[in-house]
Protein backbone atom coordinates (compact mmCIF):
# COMPACT_ATOMS: atom_id res chain seq x y z
CA UNK A 1 0.29 0.24 0.33
CA UNK A 2 1.22 3.85 -0.87
CA UNK A 3 0.19 5.53 1.92
CA UNK A 4 -0.55 9.50 0.07
CA UNK A 5 -0.71 12.51 3.23
CA UNK A 6 -2.02 15.88 3.30
CA UNK A 7 -1.44 17.97 5.92
CA UNK A 8 -2.93 21.73 4.69
CA UNK A 9 -5.17 23.81 7.16
CA UNK A 10 -7.60 24.71 4.34
CA UNK A 11 -9.88 22.03 3.27
CA UNK A 12 -10.44 23.55 0.63
CA UNK A 13 -7.06 22.27 -0.98
CA UNK A 14 -7.09 19.30 0.48
CA UNK A 15 -10.53 17.65 -1.64
CA UNK A 16 -9.20 19.46 -4.26
CA UNK A 17 -5.38 16.84 -3.66
CA UNK A 18 -7.55 13.87 -2.93
CA UNK A 19 -9.53 15.24 -6.17
CA UNK A 20 -6.43 14.77 -7.97
CA UNK A 21 -5.29 11.63 -7.15
CA UNK A 22 -8.66 10.14 -7.85
CA UNK A 23 -8.17 11.15 -11.78
CA UNK A 24 -5.29 8.88 -11.50
CA UNK A 25 -5.16 6.45 -9.45
CA UNK A 26 -6.77 3.96 -11.11
CA UNK A 27 -4.13 3.47 -13.85
CA UNK A 28 -1.59 2.25 -11.41
CA UNK A 29 -1.73 -1.32 -9.44
CA UNK A 30 -0.70 -0.16 -6.11
CA UNK A 31 -3.72 0.25 -3.41
CA UNK A 32 -3.86 4.34 -2.83
CA UNK A 33 -4.92 5.29 0.45
CA UNK A 34 -5.04 9.31 1.11
CA UNK A 35 -5.43 10.71 4.56
CA UNK A 36 -6.23 14.54 5.03
CA UNK A 37 -4.75 16.50 8.26
CA UNK A 38 -5.65 20.21 9.20
CA UNK A 39 -2.56 20.69 11.02
CA UNK A 40 0.36 18.83 13.79
CA UNK A 41 -1.36 16.56 16.21
CA UNK A 42 -0.53 13.15 17.42
CA UNK A 43 -2.57 11.24 15.03
CA UNK A 44 -0.17 13.21 12.25
CA UNK A 45 2.56 12.21 14.85
CA UNK A 46 1.68 7.73 14.51
CA UNK A 47 2.00 8.28 11.09
CA UNK A 48 5.39 9.61 10.54
CA UNK A 49 6.73 7.06 13.43
CA UNK A 50 5.17 4.12 11.27
CA UNK A 51 7.57 4.72 8.71
CA UNK A 52 7.36 1.06 6.78
CA UNK A 53 4.93 1.66 4.43
CA UNK A 54 5.70 4.38 1.09
CA UNK A 55 4.63 7.25 1.88
CA UNK A 56 4.25 10.67 -0.01
CA UNK A 57 4.28 13.95 2.28
CA UNK A 58 1.81 16.94 0.62
CA UNK A 59 2.79 19.25 2.87
CA UNK A 60 1.48 23.09 3.50
CA UNK A 61 4.22 25.30 4.14
CA UNK A 62 2.25 27.64 6.24
CA UNK A 63 0.06 25.85 8.43
CA UNK A 64 -2.04 27.74 11.98
CA UNK A 65 -1.16 25.50 14.76
CA UNK A 66 1.54 24.04 17.11
CA UNK A 67 3.92 22.76 13.87
CA UNK A 68 4.47 24.32 10.43
CA UNK A 69 5.14 22.68 7.15
CA UNK A 70 8.99 22.91 7.92
CA UNK A 71 9.10 21.28 11.47
CA UNK A 72 6.48 18.89 10.15
CA UNK A 73 8.97 17.56 7.70
CA UNK A 74 11.66 17.75 10.01
CA UNK A 75 10.43 14.94 12.13
CA UNK A 76 9.64 13.19 9.07
CA UNK A 77 13.30 13.19 8.14
CA UNK A 78 14.57 12.11 11.68
CA UNK A 79 12.72 8.98 11.30
CA UNK A 80 12.71 7.86 7.47
CA UNK A 81 14.87 9.24 4.66
CA UNK A 82 12.43 6.90 2.16
CA UNK A 83 8.76 9.11 2.33
CA UNK A 84 8.92 11.86 -0.95
CA UNK A 85 8.26 15.06 0.64
CA UNK A 86 6.05 18.02 -1.70
CA UNK A 87 5.63 21.44 -0.41
CA UNK A 88 2.87 23.43 -1.20
CA UNK A 89 2.42 27.48 -0.17
CA UNK A 90 0.85 30.80 -1.61
CA UNK A 91 4.41 32.68 -1.06
CA UNK A 92 7.11 31.52 -2.89
CA UNK A 93 9.54 33.44 -0.89
CA UNK A 94 9.35 30.31 1.12
CA UNK A 95 10.67 27.86 -0.68
CA UNK A 96 14.41 28.76 -0.38
CA UNK A 97 14.04 28.73 3.49
CA UNK A 98 12.41 24.92 3.14
CA UNK A 99 14.81 23.59 1.52
CA UNK A 100 18.01 25.00 3.89
CA UNK A 101 16.04 23.15 6.39
CA UNK A 102 15.07 19.96 4.98
CA UNK A 103 16.51 17.01 3.18
CA UNK A 104 15.79 15.24 0.62
CA UNK A 105 12.74 17.64 -1.07
CA UNK A 106 10.60 16.19 -4.39
CA UNK A 107 9.22 19.47 -5.33
CA UNK A 108 7.56 22.72 -4.88
CA UNK A 109 4.55 23.72 -6.19
CA UNK A 110 2.52 27.54 -6.09
CA UNK A 111 -1.44 26.86 -5.33
CA UNK A 112 -1.86 29.37 -7.25
CA UNK A 113 0.30 28.88 -10.21
CA UNK A 114 -0.72 25.25 -12.06
CA UNK A 115 -1.27 23.74 -9.06
CA UNK A 116 -3.34 20.74 -10.32
CA UNK A 117 -0.94 19.53 -12.96
CA UNK A 118 2.04 19.85 -11.47
CA UNK A 119 0.51 17.89 -8.46
CA UNK A 120 -0.30 15.34 -11.17
CA UNK A 121 3.16 15.35 -12.25
CA UNK A 122 5.11 15.28 -9.45
CA UNK A 123 2.49 11.63 -8.78
CA UNK A 124 3.10 10.05 -11.09
CA UNK A 125 6.90 10.37 -11.70
CA UNK A 126 7.26 9.15 -7.42
CA UNK A 127 4.34 6.12 -8.94
CA UNK A 128 6.17 5.03 -12.18
CA UNK A 129 10.18 5.41 -11.11
CA UNK A 130 10.82 6.07 -7.43
CA UNK A 131 8.40 2.84 -6.51
CA UNK A 132 10.47 -0.39 -4.40
CA UNK A 133 7.22 -2.28 -4.40
CA UNK A 134 10.11 -5.36 -3.22
CA UNK A 135 8.55 -7.15 0.20
CA UNK A 136 9.64 -9.23 2.88
CA UNK A 137 6.84 -12.05 3.06
CA UNK A 138 7.60 -14.64 5.79
CA UNK A 139 5.15 -16.91 7.15
CA UNK A 140 6.06 -18.38 11.31
CA UNK A 141 4.04 -20.44 13.62
CA UNK A 142 3.14 -17.29 15.18
CA UNK A 143 3.24 -14.74 13.05
CA UNK A 144 2.67 -13.43 8.96
CA UNK A 145 4.56 -11.11 8.22
CA UNK A 146 5.24 -8.78 4.49
CA UNK A 147 7.55 -5.57 5.04
CA UNK A 148 9.21 -3.77 2.33
CA UNK A 149 12.77 -4.72 1.33
CA UNK A 150 13.51 -0.73 1.64
CA UNK A 151 12.33 0.02 4.98
CA UNK A 152 14.39 -3.00 6.70
CA UNK A 153 17.67 -1.37 7.70
CA UNK A 154 19.45 -4.25 9.00
CA UNK A 155 18.68 -7.93 10.61
CA UNK A 156 20.54 -9.47 12.99
CA UNK A 157 20.86 -13.04 15.59
CA UNK A 158 19.24 -12.56 18.38
CA UNK A 159 21.30 -14.68 20.40
CA UNK A 160 19.48 -15.54 23.35
CA UNK A 161 16.11 -15.59 21.92
CA UNK A 162 18.15 -17.23 18.81
CA UNK A 163 16.18 -15.81 16.24
CA UNK A 164 16.61 -13.06 13.78
CA UNK A 165 15.74 -10.15 14.23
CA UNK A 166 14.79 -7.75 11.37
CA UNK A 167 15.24 -4.03 12.02
CA UNK A 168 13.19 -1.33 10.51
CA UNK A 169 13.09 2.11 11.39
CA UNK A 170 9.90 1.90 13.38
CA UNK A 171 10.06 -1.92 13.95
CA UNK A 172 11.44 -5.62 15.11
CA UNK A 173 10.51 -8.49 13.49
CA UNK A 174 11.69 -11.16 15.39
CA UNK A 175 11.83 -15.22 12.77
CA UNK A 176 12.62 -18.45 13.09
CA UNK A 177 15.00 -18.60 9.91
CA UNK A 178 18.89 -18.90 9.38
CA UNK A 179 20.96 -16.46 8.16
CA UNK A 180 21.51 -17.82 4.77
CA UNK A 181 17.91 -18.94 4.50
CA UNK A 182 16.89 -14.90 4.68
CA UNK A 183 19.93 -13.32 2.69
CA UNK A 184 18.07 -16.01 0.34
CA UNK A 185 14.36 -14.24 0.45
CA UNK A 186 16.65 -10.44 0.12
CA UNK A 187 17.69 -9.05 -2.94
CA UNK A 188 21.16 -7.61 -3.78
CA UNK A 189 21.09 -4.44 -1.90
CA UNK A 190 21.58 -6.38 1.57
CA UNK A 191 24.96 -8.13 2.07
CA UNK A 192 26.43 -10.54 4.95
CA UNK A 193 29.13 -7.90 7.18
CA UNK A 194 29.14 -11.01 9.64
CA UNK A 195 28.23 -14.48 10.42
CA UNK A 196 25.07 -12.70 12.67
CA UNK A 197 24.31 -10.09 10.49
CA UNK A 198 23.23 -8.50 7.68
CA UNK A 199 22.98 -5.23 6.51
CA UNK A 200 20.76 -2.81 3.81
CA UNK A 201 23.71 -1.23 2.34
CA UNK A 202 21.58 1.55 0.73
CA UNK A 203 20.86 2.28 4.65
CA UNK A 204 24.81 2.26 5.59
CA UNK A 205 26.10 5.88 5.64
CA UNK A 206 29.88 4.16 6.93
CA UNK A 207 31.78 1.28 7.59
CA UNK A 208 34.40 1.58 10.61
CA UNK A 209 36.64 -1.18 10.02
CA UNK A 210 38.53 0.27 13.23
CA UNK A 211 35.79 0.04 15.58
CA UNK A 212 34.22 -2.57 14.07
CA UNK A 213 30.62 -1.28 13.44
CA UNK A 214 28.50 0.31 10.96
CA UNK A 215 27.11 3.84 11.19
CA UNK A 216 23.38 3.95 9.99
CA UNK A 217 21.84 6.62 8.01
CA UNK A 218 19.06 7.42 10.12
CA UNK A 219 21.81 7.43 13.44
CA UNK A 220 21.92 3.91 14.25
CA UNK A 221 25.15 2.01 15.24
CA UNK A 222 25.06 -1.05 14.93
CA UNK A 223 27.81 -2.68 16.58
CA UNK A 224 28.38 -6.10 14.37
CA UNK A 225 30.74 -5.51 11.50
CA UNK A 226 33.64 -8.98 10.73
CA UNK A 227 37.18 -8.38 8.18
CA UNK A 228 36.09 -11.46 6.73
CA UNK A 229 33.25 -10.01 5.14
CA UNK A 230 35.13 -7.00 3.85
CA UNK A 231 35.52 -7.62 0.20
CA UNK A 232 32.32 -9.21 -0.05
């Protein structure tokens, strides 16, 4: 499923954006769900913290309420780097401020200038070219899992529980598989870096071979790294 999250204090633009999505989403195989929020709230924060699904955020830069669109986008980027962010505003002079404060913004759209066509083009481009649909599927005795591969940061063996633990930005999942078994269910972005650990190389910021640790893009330190796997 793909979520499109609209954060806009004008109901007119929430409804307008929903209609734009409805016009073209039938062209895609993906299950697209659209949600609207009038500003920052605990419900929105819960969505941000649940980052295992592909999410597109459409944020008004200026919002009435506790947080601006820029502040909400900063919260999104602290939680994950994979969601797409599109800023909309009535004032194009705010684009530079947003760009300086938020990493990796997909686009900036003026509400009063070709809004519908710009937004349709952006959403179509994201859905056609930037959506990673690959899933890890697992059926266990007590749990059935479907996790997007691009949401997995790393996988390690918990010696006490004797299970593999799959770590995403927001949750941990335990499965009763061996390291080599689970590696066969993943794709080429996943590499063994230790006999007890697999990492998603797209999520790695640096390999620290002196301290034998991995620094992930989300800031997490993973203390599983063996020189045995350095050339792999």
